[in-house]
Structures are given as structure tokens and as C-alpha cells.
Amino acid sequence: MAAPEPAASDEGDRPALLSVSTLTSTTTAAVAAVAAVAEAASAPVSAAVSAVSAVTTAIAEPVQRIRSAAASTTARVTGQPHQTGAASYYSDKFHGRKTASGETFDNGELTMAHRTLPLGTLVKVTNLANNTSVVVRVNDRGPYSGGRVADLSRAAAEKLKMIQRGIVDVALHIVPPGAADKDGSPKRGSN
């Protein structure tokens, strides 16, 4: 599993996913766990398994926070969209495959593929036909066919009420760094 890409909080439209202190403490914990794995190489298998478990735990918490932010954020986004165009959704055959971010694709999560937005970016996607919106996290690259601007997970497509049509016109708005609290919940006053 690849570690999440930290994004600078003051650079353009890239949302800050992790604070420097959180990233530092996570990295320190991961380094300590890796050292334990190296030390456990000459120890019994149970010690090595415990050390690997510590590495997994050190990395899992920030990744889960990023996933929760994408799933629960209903951030207020104003201004012109970053991009408009056609969007489709992943077929079920991609469920369980690796994404460009290194994580396993889950059609039940609120994610999307985009050609150029930084991995981890939160994006508010609006179906222009019915004005429904959902906030998703970019975790993959594409789409590379059909002139589309985004491929959405099935969960995101369901929220946008686009399952029957398959391809709809959408507007993509980057969720600003300050629009969500650290835990991903909307700040007071955000819609």
C-alpha cells in the first residue's frame, strides 16, 4: 500500500491532506516499525508478523482519514468549475484492482479517476442534468477514451443518479483546503 501524497496547503487548488506534524509522526512510527521488522528478521516468525502489523497500523490511520474526508465532506464550493465535460463510471470488473495511487479500487467508495489532478485531491462533482453533487477523492488516472474528463466509482455514480445513463455531463470543482475539518467533516456554515 502506497503512502498518501501530501499536498501543500497554500499551493493553488491542492487540498492539504495531512499536516506536517501528522506526517512527521506517521513517518517516525513507520520508520520505527520498519526497524522492528529488520530486527525481527532473526527472531521468530511471530515477532516479524507483529512488526509488519505495526507498519500497517502506522500507515493505515492517515489513509483512513483521507478516505473519510472524501466520503463525508459536503464542502461549499463556489466560483467557476475547474473543468466540465462527460463522466462515466467504472465497470464492476475493475473492483479489486490496483489504482494509480497504489490502493485497491473499491466501487463502494467515493473516488474518481482524473488525468491530471493530484492524487488525493477532493473534488465536488455535479451532474449538470439533475444538479446532484458528490465529493470524491482522486485515486486513479484516466479516463483515456471517449473524450471523458472523469471516471467515477459506482457509489459516486449512484449519488449522482447517473447509473441508467452511464455517461453524463459534469462540472468538477476542487474542494478548497479550508473547506473541511481535519476529520473530513464540513466546517460550520459549509453546504
N, C-alpha and C. Protein backbone atom coordinates (compact mmCIF):
# COMPACT_ATOMS: atom_id res chain seq x y z
N MET A 1 0.86 -1.18 0.00
CA MET A 1 0.00 0.00 0.00
C MET A 1 0.90 1.23 0.00
N ALA A 2 0.66 2.13 -0.91
CA ALA A 2 1.47 3.34 -1.02
C ALA A 2 1.00 4.36 0.00
N ALA A 3 1.90 5.12 0.55
CA ALA A 3 1.55 6.19 1.48
C ALA A 3 0.86 7.30 0.71
N PRO A 4 -0.08 8.03 1.37
CA PRO A 4 -0.78 9.11 0.67
C PRO A 4 0.17 10.22 0.28
N GLU A 5 -0.18 10.89 -0.83
CA GLU A 5 0.62 12.02 -1.29
C GLU A 5 0.28 13.26 -0.49
N PRO A 6 1.19 13.83 0.29
CA PRO A 6 0.87 15.08 0.98
C PRO A 6 0.82 16.22 -0.02
N ALA A 7 -0.10 17.11 0.20
CA ALA A 7 -0.22 18.27 -0.69
C ALA A 7 0.01 19.54 0.12
N ALA A 8 0.66 20.50 -0.47
CA ALA A 8 0.91 21.78 0.21
C ALA A 8 -0.40 22.49 0.41
N SER A 9 -0.59 23.11 1.58
CA SER A 9 -1.87 23.73 1.88
C SER A 9 -2.03 25.11 1.25
N ASP A 10 -0.97 25.73 0.81
CA ASP A 10 -1.09 27.07 0.27
C ASP A 10 -0.80 27.13 -1.22
N GLU A 11 -0.82 26.01 -1.91
CA GLU A 11 -0.48 26.00 -3.32
C GLU A 11 -1.72 25.76 -4.17
N GLY A 12 -2.24 26.78 -4.77
CA GLY A 12 -3.33 26.66 -5.74
C GLY A 12 -4.52 25.94 -5.18
N ASP A 13 -5.02 24.99 -5.96
CA ASP A 13 -6.24 24.28 -5.61
C ASP A 13 -5.98 22.96 -4.92
N ARG A 14 -4.73 22.64 -4.58
CA ARG A 14 -4.43 21.36 -3.96
C ARG A 14 -4.82 21.38 -2.49
N PRO A 15 -5.70 20.46 -2.07
CA PRO A 15 -6.08 20.44 -0.66
C PRO A 15 -4.98 19.86 0.22
N ALA A 16 -4.87 20.39 1.43
CA ALA A 16 -3.90 19.86 2.38
C ALA A 16 -4.49 18.60 2.97
N LEU A 17 -3.87 17.47 2.75
CA LEU A 17 -4.41 16.22 3.24
C LEU A 17 -3.88 15.87 4.63
N LEU A 18 -2.63 16.17 4.88
CA LEU A 18 -2.03 15.85 6.16
C LEU A 18 -1.20 17.04 6.62
N SER A 19 -1.24 17.30 7.91
CA SER A 19 -0.39 18.36 8.44
C SER A 19 1.04 17.84 8.51
N VAL A 20 1.99 18.74 8.59
CA VAL A 20 3.40 18.34 8.67
C VAL A 20 3.64 17.53 9.93
N SER A 21 3.05 17.94 11.05
CA SER A 21 3.27 17.19 12.30
C SER A 21 2.68 15.80 12.22
N THR A 22 1.51 15.66 11.59
CA THR A 22 0.91 14.34 11.44
C THR A 22 1.76 13.47 10.54
N LEU A 23 2.22 14.04 9.44
CA LEU A 23 3.06 13.29 8.51
C LEU A 23 4.37 12.89 9.18
N THR A 24 4.97 13.81 9.96
CA THR A 24 6.21 13.51 10.66
C THR A 24 6.02 12.39 11.66
N SER A 25 4.95 12.46 12.46
CA SER A 25 4.73 11.42 13.47
C SER A 25 4.41 10.08 12.81
N THR A 26 3.66 10.12 11.71
CA THR A 26 3.36 8.88 10.98
C THR A 26 4.62 8.29 10.39
N THR A 27 5.46 9.13 9.81
CA THR A 27 6.71 8.66 9.23
C THR A 27 7.62 8.09 10.31
N THR A 28 7.72 8.77 11.44
CA THR A 28 8.54 8.29 12.55
C THR A 28 8.06 6.93 13.03
N ALA A 29 6.74 6.77 13.16
CA ALA A 29 6.18 5.48 13.59
C ALA A 29 6.47 4.40 12.57
N ALA A 30 6.34 4.74 11.28
CA ALA A 30 6.60 3.76 10.22
C ALA A 30 8.07 3.36 10.21
N VAL A 31 8.99 4.32 10.39
CA VAL A 31 10.42 4.02 10.41
C VAL A 31 10.74 3.12 11.60
N ALA A 32 10.16 3.41 12.75
CA ALA A 32 10.39 2.57 13.93
C ALA A 32 9.87 1.16 13.69
N ALA A 33 8.73 1.06 13.04
CA ALA A 33 8.15 -0.25 12.75
C ALA A 33 9.02 -1.02 11.76
N VAL A 34 9.54 -0.33 10.75
CA VAL A 34 10.43 -0.98 9.78
C VAL A 34 11.70 -1.46 10.47
N ALA A 35 12.23 -0.67 11.38
CA ALA A 35 13.41 -1.08 12.14
C ALA A 35 13.10 -2.34 12.96
N ALA A 36 11.90 -2.39 13.50
CA ALA A 36 11.50 -3.57 14.26
C ALA A 36 11.41 -4.79 13.35
N VAL A 37 10.95 -4.59 12.10
CA VAL A 37 10.88 -5.69 11.14
C VAL A 37 12.29 -6.19 10.85
N ALA A 38 13.23 -5.27 10.63
CA ALA A 38 14.61 -5.66 10.35
C ALA A 38 15.21 -6.42 11.52
N GLU A 39 14.93 -5.94 12.72
CA GLU A 39 15.45 -6.60 13.92
C GLU A 39 14.82 -7.97 14.10
N ALA A 40 13.54 -8.07 13.75
CA ALA A 40 12.81 -9.32 13.91
C ALA A 40 13.17 -10.36 12.86
N ALA A 41 13.95 -9.97 11.86
CA ALA A 41 14.32 -10.91 10.80
C ALA A 41 15.04 -12.12 11.36
N SER A 42 15.78 -11.93 12.44
CA SER A 42 16.48 -13.06 13.04
C SER A 42 15.68 -13.65 14.20
N ALA A 43 14.53 -13.08 14.49
CA ALA A 43 13.68 -13.54 15.57
C ALA A 43 12.63 -14.52 15.04
N PRO A 44 11.82 -15.08 15.91
CA PRO A 44 10.77 -15.99 15.45
C PRO A 44 9.78 -15.28 14.53
N VAL A 45 9.07 -16.07 13.76
CA VAL A 45 8.10 -15.55 12.79
C VAL A 45 7.05 -14.67 13.48
N SER A 46 6.62 -15.02 14.66
CA SER A 46 5.59 -14.23 15.35
C SER A 46 6.06 -12.80 15.60
N ALA A 47 7.34 -12.62 15.90
CA ALA A 47 7.87 -11.26 16.12
C ALA A 47 7.87 -10.48 14.81
N ALA A 48 8.22 -11.14 13.71
CA ALA A 48 8.22 -10.47 12.41
C ALA A 48 6.80 -10.07 12.03
N VAL A 49 5.83 -10.94 12.30
CA VAL A 49 4.43 -10.63 11.99
C VAL A 49 3.97 -9.43 12.82
N SER A 50 4.36 -9.35 14.07
CA SER A 50 4.00 -8.21 14.91
C SER A 50 4.59 -6.92 14.37
N ALA A 51 5.84 -6.98 13.90
CA ALA A 51 6.50 -5.79 13.36
C ALA A 51 5.82 -5.32 12.09
N VAL A 52 5.45 -6.25 11.20
CA VAL A 52 4.74 -5.89 9.97
C VAL A 52 3.39 -5.29 10.32
N SER A 53 2.72 -5.82 11.32
CA SER A 53 1.43 -5.28 11.76
C SER A 53 1.59 -3.84 12.24
N ALA A 54 2.70 -3.54 12.92
CA ALA A 54 2.95 -2.18 13.39
C ALA A 54 3.11 -1.21 12.22
N VAL A 55 3.80 -1.65 11.15
CA VAL A 55 3.95 -0.81 9.96
C VAL A 55 2.58 -0.53 9.35
N THR A 56 1.79 -1.56 9.20
CA THR A 56 0.45 -1.41 8.62
C THR A 56 -0.40 -0.45 9.43
N THR A 57 -0.35 -0.56 10.74
CA THR A 57 -1.12 0.32 11.61
C THR A 57 -0.66 1.77 11.49
N ALA A 58 0.64 1.99 11.41
CA ALA A 58 1.18 3.35 11.31
C ALA A 58 0.75 4.04 10.02
N ILE A 59 0.58 3.29 8.96
CA ILE A 59 0.20 3.87 7.67
C ILE A 59 -1.32 3.95 7.52
N ALA A 60 -2.05 3.02 8.12
CA ALA A 60 -3.49 2.92 7.90
C ALA A 60 -4.28 4.12 8.42
N GLU A 61 -3.89 4.68 9.54
CA GLU A 61 -4.67 5.78 10.14
C GLU A 61 -4.76 7.00 9.23
N PRO A 62 -3.64 7.53 8.69
CA PRO A 62 -3.79 8.70 7.81
C PRO A 62 -4.54 8.37 6.52
N VAL A 63 -4.36 7.17 6.00
CA VAL A 63 -5.09 6.79 4.78
C VAL A 63 -6.58 6.75 5.06
N GLN A 64 -6.98 6.19 6.19
CA GLN A 64 -8.40 6.14 6.55
C GLN A 64 -8.97 7.54 6.72
N ARG A 65 -8.18 8.46 7.30
CA ARG A 65 -8.66 9.83 7.46
C ARG A 65 -8.92 10.48 6.12
N ILE A 66 -8.06 10.23 5.15
CA ILE A 66 -8.25 10.79 3.81
C ILE A 66 -9.50 10.20 3.18
N ARG A 67 -9.70 8.89 3.31
CA ARG A 67 -10.90 8.26 2.76
C ARG A 67 -12.16 8.82 3.41
N SER A 68 -12.12 9.00 4.73
CA SER A 68 -13.27 9.55 5.44
C SER A 68 -13.57 10.97 4.98
N ALA A 69 -12.53 11.75 4.73
CA ALA A 69 -12.74 13.13 4.27
C ALA A 69 -13.48 13.15 2.95
N ALA A 70 -13.11 12.28 2.05
CA ALA A 70 -13.78 12.23 0.75
C ALA A 70 -15.22 11.77 0.90
N ALA A 71 -15.47 10.83 1.79
CA ALA A 71 -16.81 10.28 1.94
C ALA A 71 -17.76 11.23 2.66
N SER A 72 -17.27 12.03 3.59
CA SER A 72 -18.18 12.81 4.41
C SER A 72 -18.20 14.30 4.11
N THR A 73 -17.29 14.78 3.31
CA THR A 73 -17.22 16.22 3.06
C THR A 73 -18.32 16.65 2.11
N THR A 74 -19.07 17.64 2.51
CA THR A 74 -20.03 18.27 1.62
C THR A 74 -19.68 19.75 1.59
N ALA A 75 -18.44 20.00 1.29
CA ALA A 75 -17.88 21.34 1.37
C ALA A 75 -18.56 22.32 0.43
N ARG A 76 -18.64 23.57 0.85
CA ARG A 76 -19.17 24.62 0.00
C ARG A 76 -18.10 24.98 -1.03
N VAL A 77 -18.48 24.92 -2.27
CA VAL A 77 -17.56 25.24 -3.35
C VAL A 77 -18.22 26.32 -4.20
N THR A 78 -17.50 27.39 -4.44
CA THR A 78 -18.06 28.48 -5.23
C THR A 78 -17.16 28.77 -6.41
N GLY A 79 -17.63 29.62 -7.30
CA GLY A 79 -16.80 30.03 -8.43
C GLY A 79 -16.93 29.13 -9.63
N GLN A 80 -16.09 29.38 -10.59
CA GLN A 80 -16.10 28.63 -11.84
C GLN A 80 -15.59 27.21 -11.61
N PRO A 81 -16.16 26.24 -12.34
CA PRO A 81 -15.65 24.88 -12.20
C PRO A 81 -14.22 24.77 -12.73
N HIS A 82 -13.49 23.83 -12.18
CA HIS A 82 -12.14 23.54 -12.67
C HIS A 82 -12.22 22.98 -14.08
N GLN A 83 -13.27 22.17 -14.34
CA GLN A 83 -13.40 21.52 -15.63
C GLN A 83 -14.84 21.04 -15.80
N THR A 84 -15.31 21.02 -17.03
CA THR A 84 -16.60 20.43 -17.35
C THR A 84 -16.40 19.44 -18.48
N GLY A 85 -17.31 18.49 -18.57
CA GLY A 85 -17.24 17.50 -19.64
C GLY A 85 -17.99 16.25 -19.24
N ALA A 86 -17.81 15.21 -20.02
CA ALA A 86 -18.52 13.96 -19.79
C ALA A 86 -17.81 13.11 -18.74
N ALA A 87 -18.60 12.43 -17.92
CA ALA A 87 -18.07 11.49 -16.94
C ALA A 87 -18.81 10.17 -17.06
N SER A 88 -18.09 9.10 -16.81
CA SER A 88 -18.68 7.77 -16.79
C SER A 88 -18.33 7.14 -15.44
N TYR A 89 -18.69 5.86 -15.27
CA TYR A 89 -18.29 5.19 -14.04
C TYR A 89 -17.67 3.84 -14.36
N TYR A 90 -16.83 3.37 -13.41
CA TYR A 90 -16.09 2.12 -13.58
C TYR A 90 -17.05 0.93 -13.66
N SER A 91 -16.73 -0.02 -14.52
CA SER A 91 -17.49 -1.26 -14.54
C SER A 91 -17.03 -2.10 -13.35
N ASP A 92 -17.84 -3.06 -13.00
CA ASP A 92 -17.54 -3.91 -11.85
C ASP A 92 -16.25 -4.72 -12.04
N LYS A 93 -15.81 -4.93 -13.27
CA LYS A 93 -14.61 -5.74 -13.49
C LYS A 93 -13.34 -5.09 -12.92
N PHE A 94 -13.37 -3.79 -12.62
CA PHE A 94 -12.21 -3.11 -12.06
C PHE A 94 -12.14 -3.20 -10.54
N HIS A 95 -13.23 -3.63 -9.91
CA HIS A 95 -13.27 -3.74 -8.44
C HIS A 95 -12.17 -4.70 -7.99
N GLY A 96 -11.34 -4.25 -7.05
CA GLY A 96 -10.27 -5.08 -6.51
C GLY A 96 -8.92 -4.91 -7.21
N ARG A 97 -8.88 -4.17 -8.31
CA ARG A 97 -7.60 -3.94 -8.99
C ARG A 97 -6.88 -2.76 -8.35
N LYS A 98 -5.58 -2.67 -8.59
CA LYS A 98 -4.78 -1.57 -8.05
C LYS A 98 -5.05 -0.29 -8.84
N THR A 99 -5.06 0.84 -8.14
CA THR A 99 -5.22 2.15 -8.77
C THR A 99 -3.85 2.81 -8.88
N ALA A 100 -3.81 3.95 -9.55
CA ALA A 100 -2.55 4.69 -9.70
C ALA A 100 -1.99 5.13 -8.35
N SER A 101 -2.85 5.28 -7.35
CA SER A 101 -2.39 5.69 -6.02
C SER A 101 -1.79 4.52 -5.25
N GLY A 102 -1.94 3.30 -5.78
CA GLY A 102 -1.41 2.12 -5.11
C GLY A 102 -2.44 1.40 -4.26
N GLU A 103 -3.59 2.03 -4.02
CA GLU A 103 -4.61 1.37 -3.23
C GLU A 103 -5.46 0.46 -4.12
N THR A 104 -6.20 -0.41 -3.50
CA THR A 104 -7.10 -1.30 -4.22
C THR A 104 -8.40 -0.58 -4.51
N PHE A 105 -8.85 -0.64 -5.78
CA PHE A 105 -10.09 0.05 -6.15
C PHE A 105 -11.28 -0.64 -5.50
N ASP A 106 -12.14 0.18 -4.89
CA ASP A 106 -13.36 -0.29 -4.25
C ASP A 106 -14.52 0.51 -4.84
N ASN A 107 -15.39 -0.17 -5.59
CA ASN A 107 -16.51 0.50 -6.25
C ASN A 107 -17.51 1.08 -5.24
N GLY A 108 -17.38 0.72 -3.96
CA GLY A 108 -18.27 1.23 -2.93
C GLY A 108 -17.78 2.51 -2.29
N GLU A 109 -16.57 2.96 -2.62
CA GLU A 109 -16.04 4.20 -2.05
C GLU A 109 -16.29 5.36 -3.01
N LEU A 110 -16.24 6.57 -2.49
CA LEU A 110 -16.47 7.77 -3.29
C LEU A 110 -15.15 8.26 -3.86
N THR A 111 -14.78 7.71 -5.03
CA THR A 111 -13.50 8.03 -5.65
C THR A 111 -13.69 8.28 -7.14
N MET A 112 -12.62 8.79 -7.77
CA MET A 112 -12.67 9.00 -9.21
C MET A 112 -11.28 8.96 -9.81
N ALA A 113 -11.26 8.76 -11.12
CA ALA A 113 -10.02 8.84 -11.88
C ALA A 113 -10.03 10.16 -12.65
N HIS A 114 -8.88 10.81 -12.69
CA HIS A 114 -8.70 12.04 -13.45
C HIS A 114 -7.31 12.01 -14.05
N ARG A 115 -7.15 12.59 -15.22
CA ARG A 115 -5.85 12.52 -15.90
C ARG A 115 -4.75 13.31 -15.21
N THR A 116 -5.07 14.50 -14.66
CA THR A 116 -4.01 15.39 -14.20
C THR A 116 -4.11 15.88 -12.76
N LEU A 117 -5.27 15.87 -12.14
CA LEU A 117 -5.38 16.36 -10.76
C LEU A 117 -4.52 15.50 -9.84
N PRO A 118 -3.89 16.13 -8.84
CA PRO A 118 -3.04 15.36 -7.93
C PRO A 118 -3.84 14.26 -7.22
N LEU A 119 -3.22 13.10 -7.05
CA LEU A 119 -3.86 12.02 -6.31
C LEU A 119 -4.15 12.51 -4.90
N GLY A 120 -5.33 12.21 -4.40
CA GLY A 120 -5.74 12.66 -3.07
C GLY A 120 -6.58 13.93 -3.09
N THR A 121 -6.66 14.61 -4.23
CA THR A 121 -7.44 15.84 -4.34
C THR A 121 -8.92 15.52 -4.13
N LEU A 122 -9.59 16.35 -3.33
CA LEU A 122 -11.04 16.22 -3.16
C LEU A 122 -11.72 17.09 -4.21
N VAL A 123 -12.72 16.52 -4.88
CA VAL A 123 -13.40 17.19 -5.97
C VAL A 123 -14.90 17.06 -5.78
N LYS A 124 -15.61 18.18 -5.90
CA LYS A 124 -17.06 18.14 -5.89
C LYS A 124 -17.49 17.96 -7.35
N VAL A 125 -18.20 16.86 -7.62
CA VAL A 125 -18.67 16.54 -8.96
C VAL A 125 -20.17 16.80 -8.99
N THR A 126 -20.61 17.61 -9.97
CA THR A 126 -22.03 17.93 -10.10
C THR A 126 -22.55 17.41 -11.43
N ASN A 127 -23.62 16.62 -11.37
CA ASN A 127 -24.30 16.14 -12.57
C ASN A 127 -25.11 17.33 -13.10
N LEU A 128 -24.75 17.81 -14.28
CA LEU A 128 -25.40 19.02 -14.82
C LEU A 128 -26.83 18.76 -15.27
N ALA A 129 -27.21 17.50 -15.48
CA ALA A 129 -28.58 17.18 -15.92
C ALA A 129 -29.58 17.29 -14.77
N ASN A 130 -29.16 16.97 -13.53
CA ASN A 130 -30.11 16.98 -12.42
C ASN A 130 -29.62 17.78 -11.21
N ASN A 131 -28.44 18.40 -11.32
CA ASN A 131 -27.87 19.25 -10.29
C ASN A 131 -27.56 18.53 -8.97
N THR A 132 -27.37 17.21 -9.01
CA THR A 132 -26.95 16.49 -7.81
C THR A 132 -25.42 16.52 -7.75
N SER A 133 -24.89 16.50 -6.53
CA SER A 133 -23.44 16.60 -6.34
C SER A 133 -22.94 15.56 -5.35
N VAL A 134 -21.67 15.26 -5.47
CA VAL A 134 -20.99 14.37 -4.51
C VAL A 134 -19.53 14.80 -4.46
N VAL A 135 -18.92 14.67 -3.26
CA VAL A 135 -17.49 14.95 -3.12
C VAL A 135 -16.75 13.62 -3.17
N VAL A 136 -15.76 13.55 -4.07
CA VAL A 136 -14.98 12.33 -4.26
C VAL A 136 -13.49 12.65 -4.10
N ARG A 137 -12.70 11.60 -4.00
CA ARG A 137 -11.25 11.73 -3.88
C ARG A 137 -10.61 11.13 -5.12
N VAL A 138 -9.66 11.83 -5.72
CA VAL A 138 -8.94 11.32 -6.89
C VAL A 138 -7.95 10.26 -6.41
N ASN A 139 -8.12 9.03 -6.91
CA ASN A 139 -7.20 7.96 -6.51
C ASN A 139 -6.67 7.17 -7.70
N ASP A 140 -7.01 7.61 -8.93
CA ASP A 140 -6.59 6.86 -10.11
C ASP A 140 -6.41 7.82 -11.28
N ARG A 141 -5.78 7.33 -12.32
CA ARG A 141 -5.57 8.10 -13.55
C ARG A 141 -6.53 7.60 -14.63
N GLY A 142 -6.92 8.51 -15.50
CA GLY A 142 -7.83 8.20 -16.59
C GLY A 142 -8.93 9.22 -16.58
N PRO A 143 -9.94 9.08 -17.36
CA PRO A 143 -10.16 8.07 -18.39
C PRO A 143 -9.34 8.42 -19.64
N TYR A 144 -9.05 7.41 -20.41
CA TYR A 144 -8.23 7.61 -21.59
C TYR A 144 -8.98 7.33 -22.89
N SER A 145 -10.30 7.26 -22.81
CA SER A 145 -11.07 7.04 -24.04
C SER A 145 -12.35 7.85 -24.01
N GLY A 146 -12.89 8.10 -25.17
CA GLY A 146 -14.19 8.73 -25.27
C GLY A 146 -14.25 10.20 -24.94
N GLY A 147 -13.11 10.88 -24.79
CA GLY A 147 -13.13 12.31 -24.51
C GLY A 147 -13.75 12.67 -23.16
N ARG A 148 -13.77 11.73 -22.22
CA ARG A 148 -14.36 11.99 -20.90
C ARG A 148 -13.35 12.69 -19.99
N VAL A 149 -13.85 13.40 -18.97
CA VAL A 149 -12.98 14.10 -18.03
C VAL A 149 -12.81 13.34 -16.72
N ALA A 150 -13.69 12.37 -16.43
CA ALA A 150 -13.62 11.64 -15.16
C ALA A 150 -14.27 10.27 -15.30
N ASP A 151 -13.73 9.32 -14.55
CA ASP A 151 -14.36 8.02 -14.33
C ASP A 151 -14.65 7.95 -12.84
N LEU A 152 -15.89 7.70 -12.49
CA LEU A 152 -16.31 7.68 -11.09
C LEU A 152 -16.51 6.26 -10.60
N SER A 153 -16.41 6.07 -9.30
CA SER A 153 -16.76 4.78 -8.70
C SER A 153 -18.28 4.63 -8.82
N ARG A 154 -18.75 3.40 -8.71
CA ARG A 154 -20.19 3.15 -8.80
C ARG A 154 -20.94 3.89 -7.67
N ALA A 155 -20.35 3.93 -6.46
CA ALA A 155 -21.00 4.62 -5.34
C ALA A 155 -21.21 6.10 -5.67
N ALA A 156 -20.21 6.74 -6.27
CA ALA A 156 -20.34 8.15 -6.65
C ALA A 156 -21.38 8.30 -7.76
N ALA A 157 -21.38 7.39 -8.72
CA ALA A 157 -22.34 7.45 -9.82
C ALA A 157 -23.77 7.29 -9.30
N GLU A 158 -23.96 6.45 -8.30
CA GLU A 158 -25.29 6.29 -7.72
C GLU A 158 -25.75 7.59 -7.06
N LYS A 159 -24.85 8.24 -6.32
CA LYS A 159 -25.21 9.52 -5.67
C LYS A 159 -25.57 10.58 -6.71
N LEU A 160 -24.95 10.52 -7.89
CA LEU A 160 -25.23 11.48 -8.95
C LEU A 160 -26.43 11.07 -9.81
N LYS A 161 -27.00 9.91 -9.50
CA LYS A 161 -28.18 9.40 -10.22
C LYS A 161 -27.90 9.28 -11.72
N MET A 162 -26.74 8.67 -12.05
CA MET A 162 -26.34 8.55 -13.45
C MET A 162 -26.19 7.10 -13.90
N ILE A 163 -26.59 6.16 -13.07
CA ILE A 163 -26.39 4.74 -13.38
C ILE A 163 -27.07 4.36 -14.69
N GLN A 164 -28.31 4.75 -14.90
CA GLN A 164 -29.02 4.35 -16.12
C GLN A 164 -28.42 4.98 -17.37
N ARG A 165 -28.02 6.23 -17.30
CA ARG A 165 -27.47 6.91 -18.47
C ARG A 165 -26.04 6.47 -18.76
N GLY A 166 -25.27 6.18 -17.73
CA GLY A 166 -23.90 5.71 -17.92
C GLY A 166 -22.89 6.83 -18.11
N ILE A 167 -23.18 7.78 -18.98
CA ILE A 167 -22.30 8.92 -19.21
C ILE A 167 -23.14 10.19 -19.10
N VAL A 168 -22.67 11.14 -18.28
CA VAL A 168 -23.40 12.40 -18.11
C VAL A 168 -22.40 13.56 -18.15
N ASP A 169 -22.91 14.75 -18.42
CA ASP A 169 -22.09 15.96 -18.35
C ASP A 169 -21.98 16.39 -16.90
N VAL A 170 -20.76 16.72 -16.49
CA VAL A 170 -20.50 17.10 -15.10
C VAL A 170 -19.66 18.37 -15.04
N ALA A 171 -19.68 18.99 -13.88
CA ALA A 171 -18.77 20.10 -13.55
C ALA A 171 -17.92 19.62 -12.39
N LEU A 172 -16.62 19.85 -12.49
CA LEU A 172 -15.69 19.45 -11.43
C LEU A 172 -15.20 20.71 -10.72
N HIS A 173 -15.42 20.78 -9.42
CA HIS A 173 -14.94 21.88 -8.58
C HIS A 173 -13.95 21.29 -7.58
N ILE A 174 -12.77 21.86 -7.49
CA ILE A 174 -11.78 21.42 -6.50
C ILE A 174 -12.26 21.92 -5.14
N VAL A 175 -12.26 21.04 -4.15
CA VAL A 175 -12.66 21.43 -2.81
C VAL A 175 -11.48 22.16 -2.18
N PRO A 176 -11.68 23.42 -1.77
CA PRO A 176 -10.56 24.20 -1.21
C PRO A 176 -10.03 23.58 0.07
N PRO A 177 -8.75 23.81 0.35
CA PRO A 177 -8.12 23.21 1.53
C PRO A 177 -8.83 23.52 2.83
N GLY A 178 -9.39 24.70 3.00
CA GLY A 178 -10.02 25.06 4.27
C GLY A 178 -11.49 24.69 4.38
N ALA A 179 -12.05 23.99 3.39
CA ALA A 179 -13.49 23.72 3.39
C ALA A 179 -13.89 22.55 4.27
N ALA A 180 -12.93 21.75 4.72
CA ALA A 180 -13.25 20.61 5.57
C ALA A 180 -12.34 20.61 6.79
N ASP A 181 -12.90 20.12 7.91
CA ASP A 181 -12.09 19.97 9.12
C ASP A 181 -11.11 18.82 8.93
N LYS A 182 -10.19 18.66 9.88
CA LYS A 182 -9.18 17.62 9.79
C LYS A 182 -9.79 16.23 9.65
N ASP A 183 -10.94 16.01 10.30
CA ASP A 183 -11.56 14.68 10.22
C ASP A 183 -12.41 14.51 8.96
N GLY A 184 -12.49 15.55 8.10
CA GLY A 184 -13.24 15.44 6.85
C GLY A 184 -14.66 15.95 6.95
N SER A 185 -15.13 16.27 8.16
CA SER A 185 -16.49 16.77 8.27
C SER A 185 -16.55 18.23 7.81
N PRO A 186 -17.72 18.66 7.31
CA PRO A 186 -17.82 20.04 6.83
C PRO A 186 -17.66 21.05 7.96
N LYS A 187 -17.01 22.14 7.67
CA LYS A 187 -16.91 23.21 8.66
C LYS A 187 -18.28 23.84 8.83
N ARG A 188 -18.51 24.40 9.97
CA ARG A 188 -19.82 25.07 10.21
C ARG A 188 -20.03 26.14 9.16
N GLY A 189 -21.25 26.14 8.61
CA GLY A 189 -21.58 27.13 7.59
C GLY A 189 -21.32 26.64 6.18
N SER A 190 -20.68 25.47 6.02
CA SER A 190 -20.47 24.91 4.69
C SER A 190 -21.69 24.11 4.27
N ASN A 191 -22.00 24.16 2.99
CA ASN A 191 -23.16 23.39 2.50
C ASN A 191 -22.69 22.21 1.72
